Amino acid sequence: MTEQETWINTKWRPSMGWTYMAVCIFDFIIAPVIWSMFQIVGGGKVETQWKPLTLEGAGLFHMAMGAILGIAVYGRTQEKMAEKKHDE
């Protein structure tokens, strides 16, 4: 790592992964539970099901994040392989 590389240059890949994981945990675990609890408290029973926000628009969010993370992993692998060849 050179001196000119900033935190964002070196840590953006893991932070994208953490962000995607947090969004998925919220949208598929936390929000449905809270949605159901509010319905039970408000009306006594669950009337409607939670619709995941990230699946709106045919899941384009998940496809985009998969592409971003996949390309980032591929790029990092290429960087590591180039470093290893350079060290030999």
PDB file of N, CA and C in Angstrom:
ATOM      1  N   MET A   1       0.851  -1.182   0.000  1.00  0.00           N
ATOM      2  CA  MET A   1       0.000   0.000   0.000  1.00  0.00           C
ATOM      3  C   MET A   1       0.891   1.237   0.000  1.00  0.00           C
ATOM      4  N   THR A   2       0.629   2.127  -0.912  1.00  0.00           N
ATOM      5  CA  THR A   2       1.416   3.351  -0.976  1.00  0.00           C
ATOM      6  C   THR A   2       0.820   4.413  -0.060  1.00  0.00           C
ATOM      7  N   GLU A   3       1.588   5.459   0.169  1.00  0.00           N
ATOM      8  CA  GLU A   3       1.120   6.532   1.043  1.00  0.00           C
ATOM      9  C   GLU A   3      -0.077   7.266   0.466  1.00  0.00           C
ATOM     10  N   GLN A   4      -0.201   7.288  -0.855  1.00  0.00           N
ATOM     11  CA  GLN A   4      -1.274   8.044  -1.484  1.00  0.00           C
ATOM     12  C   GLN A   4      -2.617   7.328  -1.432  1.00  0.00           C
ATOM     13  N   GLU A   5      -2.626   6.052  -1.089  1.00  0.00           N
ATOM     14  CA  GLU A   5      -3.889   5.321  -1.006  1.00  0.00           C
ATOM     15  C   GLU A   5      -4.613   5.703   0.275  1.00  0.00           C
ATOM     16  N   THR A   6      -5.858   6.095   0.137  1.00  0.00           N
ATOM     17  CA  THR A   6      -6.651   6.499   1.291  1.00  0.00           C
ATOM     18  C   THR A   6      -7.461   5.309   1.806  1.00  0.00           C
ATOM     19  N   TRP A   7      -8.125   5.540   2.904  1.00  0.00           N
ATOM     20  CA  TRP A   7      -8.957   4.494   3.502  1.00  0.00           C
ATOM     21  C   TRP A   7     -10.008   4.013   2.515  1.00  0.00           C
ATOM     22  N   ILE A   8     -10.629   4.945   1.822  1.00  0.00           N
ATOM     23  CA  ILE A   8     -11.700   4.564   0.902  1.00  0.00           C
ATOM     24  C   ILE A   8     -11.161   3.719  -0.249  1.00  0.00           C
ATOM     25  N   ASN A   9      -9.927   3.972  -0.672  1.00  0.00           N
ATOM     26  CA  ASN A   9      -9.338   3.170  -1.745  1.00  0.00           C
ATOM     27  C   ASN A   9      -9.057   1.742  -1.309  1.00  0.00           C
ATOM     28  N   THR A  10      -8.708   1.548  -0.059  1.00  0.00           N
ATOM     29  CA  THR A  10      -8.336   0.205   0.401  1.00  0.00           C
ATOM     30  C   THR A  10      -9.489  -0.562   1.034  1.00  0.00           C
ATOM     31  N   LYS A  11     -10.484   0.118   1.532  1.00  0.00           N
ATOM     32  CA  LYS A  11     -11.558  -0.557   2.284  1.00  0.00           C
ATOM     33  C   LYS A  11     -12.926  -0.515   1.626  1.00  0.00           C
ATOM     34  N   TRP A  12     -13.020  -0.062   0.380  1.00  0.00           N
ATOM     35  CA  TRP A  12     -14.346   0.046  -0.219  1.00  0.00           C
ATOM     36  C   TRP A  12     -14.968  -1.307  -0.493  1.00  0.00           C
ATOM     37  N   ARG A  13     -14.161  -2.304  -0.818  1.00  0.00           N
ATOM     38  CA  ARG A  13     -14.721  -3.637  -1.103  1.00  0.00           C
ATOM     39  C   ARG A  13     -15.381  -4.236   0.133  1.00  0.00           C
ATOM     40  N   PRO A  14     -14.671  -4.300   1.277  1.00  0.00           N
ATOM     41  CA  PRO A  14     -15.345  -4.853   2.450  1.00  0.00           C
ATOM     42  C   PRO A  14     -16.545  -4.012   2.891  1.00  0.00           C
ATOM     43  N   SER A  15     -16.449  -2.690   2.761  1.00  0.00           N
ATOM     44  CA  SER A  15     -17.581  -1.870   3.191  1.00  0.00           C
ATOM     45  C   SER A  15     -18.800  -2.084   2.303  1.00  0.00           C
ATOM     46  N   MET A  16     -18.589  -2.360   1.017  1.00  0.00           N
ATOM     47  CA  MET A  16     -19.719  -2.696   0.139  1.00  0.00           C
ATOM     48  C   MET A  16     -20.354  -4.015   0.583  1.00  0.00           C
ATOM     49  N   GLY A  17     -19.535  -4.983   0.949  1.00  0.00           N
ATOM     50  CA  GLY A  17     -20.049  -6.255   1.439  1.00  0.00           C
ATOM     51  C   GLY A  17     -20.823  -6.090   2.732  1.00  0.00           C
ATOM     52  N   TRP A  18     -20.288  -5.293   3.655  1.00  0.00           N
ATOM     53  CA  TRP A  18     -20.987  -5.054   4.928  1.00  0.00           C
ATOM     54  C   TRP A  18     -22.313  -4.343   4.696  1.00  0.00           C
ATOM     55  N   THR A  19     -22.301  -3.366   3.793  1.00  0.00           N
ATOM     56  CA  THR A  19     -23.529  -2.630   3.489  1.00  0.00           C
ATOM     57  C   THR A  19     -24.579  -3.559   2.887  1.00  0.00           C
ATOM     58  N   TYR A  20     -24.169  -4.389   1.947  1.00  0.00           N
ATOM     59  CA  TYR A  20     -25.109  -5.321   1.318  1.00  0.00           C
ATOM     60  C   TYR A  20     -25.665  -6.307   2.344  1.00  0.00           C
ATOM     61  N   MET A  21     -24.802  -6.802   3.224  1.00  0.00           N
ATOM     62  CA  MET A  21     -25.251  -7.718   4.264  1.00  0.00           C
ATOM     63  C   MET A  21     -26.258  -7.032   5.196  1.00  0.00           C
ATOM     64  N   ALA A  22     -25.987  -5.781   5.583  1.00  0.00           N
ATOM     65  CA  ALA A  22     -26.908  -5.052   6.466  1.00  0.00           C
ATOM     66  C   ALA A  22     -28.259  -4.830   5.795  1.00  0.00           C
ATOM     67  N   VAL A  23     -28.254  -4.475   4.514  1.00  0.00           N
ATOM     68  CA  VAL A  23     -29.501  -4.259   3.778  1.00  0.00           C
ATOM     69  C   VAL A  23     -30.308  -5.553   3.716  1.00  0.00           C
ATOM     70  N   CYS A  24     -29.634  -6.669   3.425  1.00  0.00           N
ATOM     71  CA  CYS A  24     -30.338  -7.957   3.349  1.00  0.00           C
ATOM     72  C   CYS A  24     -30.892  -8.379   4.702  1.00  0.00           C
ATOM     73  N   ILE A  25     -30.115  -8.196   5.756  1.00  0.00           N
ATOM     74  CA  ILE A  25     -30.601  -8.550   7.105  1.00  0.00           C
ATOM     75  C   ILE A  25     -31.826  -7.720   7.453  1.00  0.00           C
ATOM     76  N   PHE A  26     -31.784  -6.426   7.155  1.00  0.00           N
ATOM     77  CA  PHE A  26     -32.946  -5.588   7.437  1.00  0.00           C
ATOM     78  C   PHE A  26     -34.149  -6.005   6.604  1.00  0.00           C
ATOM     79  N   ASP A  27     -33.951  -6.145   5.304  1.00  0.00           N
ATOM     80  CA  ASP A  27     -35.076  -6.361   4.400  1.00  0.00           C
ATOM     81  C   ASP A  27     -35.692  -7.754   4.515  1.00  0.00           C
ATOM     82  N   PHE A  28     -34.905  -8.745   4.909  1.00  0.00           N
ATOM     83  CA  PHE A  28     -35.433 -10.111   4.949  1.00  0.00           C
ATOM     84  C   PHE A  28     -35.634 -10.670   6.361  1.00  0.00           C
ATOM     85  N   ILE A  29     -35.087 -10.002   7.380  1.00  0.00           N
ATOM     86  CA  ILE A  29     -35.233 -10.517   8.743  1.00  0.00           C
ATOM     87  C   ILE A  29     -35.899  -9.490   9.665  1.00  0.00           C
ATOM     88  N   ILE A  30     -35.281  -8.332   9.817  1.00  0.00           N
ATOM     89  CA  ILE A  30     -35.755  -7.349  10.801  1.00  0.00           C
ATOM     90  C   ILE A  30     -37.095  -6.737  10.405  1.00  0.00           C
ATOM     91  N   ALA A  31     -37.191  -6.221   9.186  1.00  0.00           N
ATOM     92  CA  ALA A  31     -38.422  -5.550   8.752  1.00  0.00           C
ATOM     93  C   ALA A  31     -39.639  -6.474   8.764  1.00  0.00           C
ATOM     94  N   PRO A  32     -39.554  -7.735   8.302  1.00  0.00           N
ATOM     95  CA  PRO A  32     -40.744  -8.591   8.371  1.00  0.00           C
ATOM     96  C   PRO A  32     -41.215  -8.856   9.808  1.00  0.00           C
ATOM     97  N   VAL A  33     -40.263  -9.002  10.720  1.00  0.00           N
ATOM     98  CA  VAL A  33     -40.642  -9.238  12.122  1.00  0.00           C
ATOM     99  C   VAL A  33     -41.324  -8.002  12.694  1.00  0.00           C
ATOM    100  N   ILE A  34     -40.733  -6.832  12.471  1.00  0.00           N
ATOM    101  CA  ILE A  34     -41.337  -5.591  12.979  1.00  0.00           C
ATOM    102  C   ILE A  34     -42.688  -5.349  12.326  1.00  0.00           C
ATOM    103  N   TRP A  35     -42.793  -5.583  11.017  1.00  0.00           N
ATOM    104  CA  TRP A  35     -44.055  -5.415  10.289  1.00  0.00           C
ATOM    105  C   TRP A  35     -45.153  -6.285  10.907  1.00  0.00           C
ATOM    106  N   SER A  36     -44.829  -7.539  11.187  1.00  0.00           N
ATOM    107  CA  SER A  36     -45.811  -8.454  11.783  1.00  0.00           C
ATOM    108  C   SER A  36     -46.163  -8.041  13.204  1.00  0.00           C
ATOM    109  N   MET A  37     -45.165  -7.606  13.967  1.00  0.00           N
ATOM    110  CA  MET A  37     -45.440  -7.195  15.356  1.00  0.00           C
ATOM    111  C   MET A  37     -46.356  -5.974  15.392  1.00  0.00           C
ATOM    112  N   PHE A  38     -46.129  -5.003  14.514  1.00  0.00           N
ATOM    113  CA  PHE A  38     -47.006  -3.827  14.460  1.00  0.00           C
ATOM    114  C   PHE A  38     -48.432  -4.219  14.106  1.00  0.00           C
ATOM    115  N   GLN A  39     -48.604  -5.173  13.219  1.00  0.00           N
ATOM    116  CA  GLN A  39     -49.949  -5.614  12.849  1.00  0.00           C
ATOM    117  C   GLN A  39     -50.632  -6.326  14.012  1.00  0.00           C
ATOM    118  N   ILE A  40     -49.874  -7.142  14.728  1.00  0.00           N
ATOM    119  CA  ILE A  40     -50.451  -7.870  15.865  1.00  0.00           C
ATOM    120  C   ILE A  40     -50.863  -6.897  16.956  1.00  0.00           C
ATOM    121  N   VAL A  41     -49.998  -5.931  17.255  1.00  0.00           N
ATOM    122  CA  VAL A  41     -50.305  -4.940  18.295  1.00  0.00           C
ATOM    123  C   VAL A  41     -51.470  -4.060  17.856  1.00  0.00           C
ATOM    124  N   GLY A  42     -51.480  -3.662  16.593  1.00  0.00           N
ATOM    125  CA  GLY A  42     -52.512  -2.749  16.099  1.00  0.00           C
ATOM    126  C   GLY A  42     -53.855  -3.397  15.854  1.00  0.00           C
ATOM    127  N   GLY A  43     -53.868  -4.584  15.283  1.00  0.00           N
ATOM    128  CA  GLY A  43     -55.143  -5.182  14.915  1.00  0.00           C
ATOM    129  C   GLY A  43     -55.389  -6.565  15.480  1.00  0.00           C
ATOM    130  N   GLY A  44     -54.431  -7.145  16.136  1.00  0.00           N
ATOM    131  CA  GLY A  44     -54.629  -8.445  16.749  1.00  0.00           C
ATOM    132  C   GLY A  44     -54.208  -9.625  15.900  1.00  0.00           C
ATOM    133  N   LYS A  45     -53.978  -9.418  14.611  1.00  0.00           N
ATOM    134  CA  LYS A  45     -53.519 -10.507  13.753  1.00  0.00           C
ATOM    135  C   LYS A  45     -52.758  -9.950  12.553  1.00  0.00           C
ATOM    136  N   VAL A  46     -51.994 -10.826  11.924  1.00  0.00           N
ATOM    137  CA  VAL A  46     -51.212 -10.431  10.762  1.00  0.00           C
ATOM    138  C   VAL A  46     -52.107 -10.524   9.530  1.00  0.00           C
ATOM    139  N   GLU A  47     -52.361  -9.392   8.902  1.00  0.00           N
ATOM    140  CA  GLU A  47     -53.255  -9.332   7.744  1.00  0.00           C
ATOM    141  C   GLU A  47     -52.495  -9.348   6.419  1.00  0.00           C
ATOM    142  N   THR A  48     -51.376  -8.634   6.369  1.00  0.00           N
ATOM    143  CA  THR A  48     -50.609  -8.541   5.128  1.00  0.00           C
ATOM    144  C   THR A  48     -49.169  -8.963   5.378  1.00  0.00           C
ATOM    145  N   GLN A  49     -48.560  -9.437   4.339  1.00  0.00           N
ATOM    146  CA  GLN A  49     -47.179  -9.913   4.417  1.00  0.00           C
ATOM    147  C   GLN A  49     -46.228  -8.792   4.013  1.00  0.00           C
ATOM    148  N   TRP A  50     -45.036  -8.783   4.616  1.00  0.00           N
ATOM    149  CA  TRP A  50     -43.998  -7.822   4.254  1.00  0.00           C
ATOM    150  C   TRP A  50     -43.526  -8.092   2.822  1.00  0.00           C
ATOM    151  N   LYS A  51     -43.403  -7.042   2.041  1.00  0.00           N
ATOM    152  CA  LYS A  51     -42.879  -7.152   0.680  1.00  0.00           C
ATOM    153  C   LYS A  51     -41.466  -6.572   0.698  1.00  0.00           C
ATOM    154  N   PRO A  52     -40.442  -7.391   0.503  1.00  0.00           N
ATOM    155  CA  PRO A  52     -39.066  -6.879   0.549  1.00  0.00           C
ATOM    156  C   PRO A  52     -38.845  -5.742  -0.440  1.00  0.00           C
ATOM    157  N   LEU A  53     -38.316  -4.652   0.075  1.00  0.00           N
ATOM    158  CA  LEU A  53     -38.102  -3.467  -0.747  1.00  0.00           C
ATOM    159  C   LEU A  53     -37.069  -3.709  -1.838  1.00  0.00           C
ATOM    160  N   THR A  54     -36.072  -4.533  -1.539  1.00  0.00           N
ATOM    161  CA  THR A  54     -35.002  -4.762  -2.513  1.00  0.00           C
ATOM    162  C   THR A  54     -35.423  -5.693  -3.640  1.00  0.00           C
ATOM    163  N   LEU A  55     -36.577  -6.326  -3.529  1.00  0.00           N
ATOM    164  CA  LEU A  55     -37.057  -7.189  -4.608  1.00  0.00           C
ATOM    165  C   LEU A  55     -37.989  -6.449  -5.569  1.00  0.00           C
ATOM    166  N   GLU A  56     -38.295  -5.189  -5.235  1.00  0.00           N
ATOM    167  CA  GLU A  56     -39.074  -4.372  -6.155  1.00  0.00           C
ATOM    168  C   GLU A  56     -38.228  -4.161  -7.410  1.00  0.00           C
ATOM    169  N   GLY A  57     -38.846  -4.051  -8.527  1.00  0.00           N
ATOM    170  CA  GLY A  57     -38.100  -3.852  -9.774  1.00  0.00           C
ATOM    171  C   GLY A  57     -37.336  -5.098 -10.181  1.00  0.00           C
ATOM    172  N   ALA A  58     -37.918  -6.262  -9.949  1.00  0.00           N
ATOM    173  CA  ALA A  58     -37.367  -7.556 -10.363  1.00  0.00           C
ATOM    174  C   ALA A  58     -36.013  -7.862  -9.723  1.00  0.00           C
ATOM    175  N   GLY A  59     -35.755  -7.305  -8.541  1.00  0.00           N
ATOM    176  CA  GLY A  59     -34.516  -7.623  -7.835  1.00  0.00           C
ATOM    177  C   GLY A  59     -33.285  -6.977  -8.436  1.00  0.00           C
ATOM    178  N   LEU A  60     -33.469  -5.862  -9.117  1.00  0.00           N
ATOM    179  CA  LEU A  60     -32.336  -5.188  -9.763  1.00  0.00           C
ATOM    180  C   LEU A  60     -31.263  -4.804  -8.745  1.00  0.00           C
ATOM    181  N   PHE A  61     -31.674  -4.458  -7.532  1.00  0.00           N
ATOM    182  CA  PHE A  61     -30.704  -4.110  -6.489  1.00  0.00           C
ATOM    183  C   PHE A  61     -29.747  -5.267  -6.235  1.00  0.00           C
ATOM    184  N   HIS A  62     -30.275  -6.482  -6.113  1.00  0.00           N
ATOM    185  CA  HIS A  62     -29.434  -7.652  -5.831  1.00  0.00           C
ATOM    186  C   HIS A  62     -28.543  -7.989  -7.028  1.00  0.00           C
ATOM    187  N   MET A  63     -29.063  -7.832  -8.220  1.00  0.00           N
ATOM    188  CA  MET A  63     -28.238  -8.081  -9.408  1.00  0.00           C
ATOM    189  C   MET A  63     -27.100  -7.066  -9.493  1.00  0.00           C
ATOM    190  N   ALA A  64     -27.409  -5.807  -9.203  1.00  0.00           N
ATOM    191  CA  ALA A  64     -26.379  -4.766  -9.259  1.00  0.00           C
ATOM    192  C   ALA A  64     -25.319  -4.992  -8.187  1.00  0.00           C
ATOM    193  N   MET A  65     -25.737  -5.299  -6.980  1.00  0.00           N
ATOM    194  CA  MET A  65     -24.767  -5.540  -5.905  1.00  0.00           C
ATOM    195  C   MET A  65     -23.942  -6.792  -6.205  1.00  0.00           C
ATOM    196  N   GLY A  66     -24.558  -7.802  -6.764  1.00  0.00           N
ATOM    197  CA  GLY A  66     -23.818  -9.008  -7.141  1.00  0.00           C
ATOM    198  C   GLY A  66     -22.762  -8.702  -8.195  1.00  0.00           C
ATOM    199  N   ALA A  67     -23.123  -7.864  -9.152  1.00  0.00           N
ATOM    200  CA  ALA A  67     -22.161  -7.483 -10.189  1.00  0.00           C
ATOM    201  C   ALA A  67     -21.021  -6.664  -9.599  1.00  0.00           C
ATOM    202  N   ILE A  68     -21.353  -5.695  -8.763  1.00  0.00           N
ATOM    203  CA  ILE A  68     -20.324  -4.856  -8.150  1.00  0.00           C
ATOM    204  C   ILE A  68     -19.374  -5.698  -7.311  1.00  0.00           C
ATOM    205  N   LEU A  69     -19.928  -6.531  -6.443  1.00  0.00           N
ATOM    206  CA  LEU A  69     -19.081  -7.344  -5.570  1.00  0.00           C
ATOM    207  C   LEU A  69     -18.321  -8.406  -6.352  1.00  0.00           C
ATOM    208  N   GLY A  70     -18.944  -8.991  -7.355  1.00  0.00           N
ATOM    209  CA  GLY A  70     -18.262  -9.999  -8.158  1.00  0.00           C
ATOM    210  C   GLY A  70     -17.083  -9.427  -8.924  1.00  0.00           C
ATOM    211  N   ILE A  71     -17.285  -8.286  -9.547  1.00  0.00           N
ATOM    212  CA  ILE A  71     -16.200  -7.642 -10.289  1.00  0.00           C
ATOM    213  C   ILE A  71     -15.106  -7.182  -9.328  1.00  0.00           C
ATOM    214  N   ALA A  72     -15.498  -6.692  -8.155  1.00  0.00           N
ATOM    215  CA  ALA A  72     -14.509  -6.258  -7.164  1.00  0.00           C
ATOM    216  C   ALA A  72     -13.651  -7.428  -6.688  1.00  0.00           C
ATOM    217  N   VAL A  73     -14.282  -8.562  -6.449  1.00  0.00           N
ATOM    218  CA  VAL A  73     -13.531  -9.741  -6.019  1.00  0.00           C
ATOM    219  C   VAL A  73     -12.590 -10.204  -7.129  1.00  0.00           C
ATOM    220  N   TYR A  74     -13.070 -10.215  -8.345  1.00  0.00           N
ATOM    221  CA  TYR A  74     -12.221 -10.604  -9.474  1.00  0.00           C
ATOM    222  C   TYR A  74     -11.032  -9.652  -9.596  1.00  0.00           C
ATOM    223  N   GLY A  75     -11.298  -8.352  -9.485  1.00  0.00           N
ATOM    224  CA  GLY A  75     -10.227  -7.365  -9.576  1.00  0.00           C
ATOM    225  C   GLY A  75      -9.205  -7.511  -8.474  1.00  0.00           C
ATOM    226  N   ARG A  76      -9.674  -7.769  -7.264  1.00  0.00           N
ATOM    227  CA  ARG A  76      -8.752  -7.947  -6.131  1.00  0.00           C
ATOM    228  C   ARG A  76      -7.923  -9.210  -6.316  1.00  0.00           C
ATOM    229  N   THR A  77      -8.523 -10.257  -6.847  1.00  0.00           N
ATOM    230  CA  THR A  77      -7.774 -11.485  -7.116  1.00  0.00           C
ATOM    231  C   THR A  77      -6.664 -11.219  -8.118  1.00  0.00           C
ATOM    232  N   GLN A  78      -6.972 -10.463  -9.161  1.00  0.00           N
ATOM    233  CA  GLN A  78      -5.957 -10.125 -10.151  1.00  0.00           C
ATOM    234  C   GLN A  78      -4.834  -9.302  -9.530  1.00  0.00           C
ATOM    235  N   GLU A  79      -5.177  -8.364  -8.636  1.00  0.00           N
ATOM    236  CA  GLU A  79      -4.165  -7.559  -7.953  1.00  0.00           C
ATOM    237  C   GLU A  79      -3.249  -8.436  -7.099  1.00  0.00           C
ATOM    238  N   LYS A  80      -3.850  -9.351  -6.354  1.00  0.00           N
ATOM    239  CA  LYS A  80      -3.064 -10.250  -5.491  1.00  0.00           C
ATOM    240  C   LYS A  80      -2.138 -11.131  -6.324  1.00  0.00           C
ATOM    241  N   MET A  81      -2.645 -11.652  -7.433  1.00  0.00           N
ATOM    242  CA  MET A  81      -1.814 -12.505  -8.287  1.00  0.00           C
ATOM    243  C   MET A  81      -0.659 -11.708  -8.888  1.00  0.00           C
ATOM    244  N   ALA A  82      -0.907 -10.467  -9.278  1.00  0.00           N
ATOM    245  CA  ALA A  82       0.148  -9.619  -9.838  1.00  0.00           C
ATOM    246  C   ALA A  82       1.198  -9.315  -8.770  1.00  0.00           C
ATOM    247  N   GLU A  83       0.764  -9.056  -7.530  1.00  0.00           N
ATOM    248  CA  GLU A  83       1.702  -8.813  -6.428  1.00  0.00           C
ATOM    249  C   GLU A  83       2.565 -10.038  -6.175  1.00  0.00           C
ATOM    250  N   LYS A  84       1.941 -11.203  -6.209  1.00  0.00           N
ATOM    251  CA  LYS A  84       2.678 -12.452  -5.951  1.00  0.00           C
ATOM    252  C   LYS A  84       3.729 -12.695  -7.043  1.00  0.00           C
ATOM    253  N   LYS A  85       3.363 -12.445  -8.303  1.00  0.00           N
ATOM    254  CA  LYS A  85       4.319 -12.608  -9.401  1.00  0.00           C
ATOM    255  C   LYS A  85       5.465 -11.604  -9.260  1.00  0.00           C
ATOM    256  N   HIS A  86       5.144 -10.393  -8.829  1.00  0.00           N
ATOM    257  CA  HIS A  86       6.155  -9.355  -8.673  1.00  0.00           C
ATOM    258  C   HIS A  86       7.138  -9.708  -7.554  1.00  0.00           C
ATOM    259  N   ASP A  87       6.640 -10.350  -6.482  1.00  0.00           N
ATOM    260  CA  ASP A  87       7.493 -10.712  -5.341  1.00  0.00           C
ATOM    261  C   ASP A  87       8.431 -11.868  -5.653  1.00  0.00           C
ATOM    262  N   GLU A  88       8.092 -12.702  -6.627  1.00  0.00           N
ATOM    263  CA  GLU A  88       8.908 -13.885  -6.927  1.00  0.00           C
ATOM    264  C   GLU A  88      10.198 -13.560  -7.561  1.00  0.00           C
TER     265      GLU A  88
END
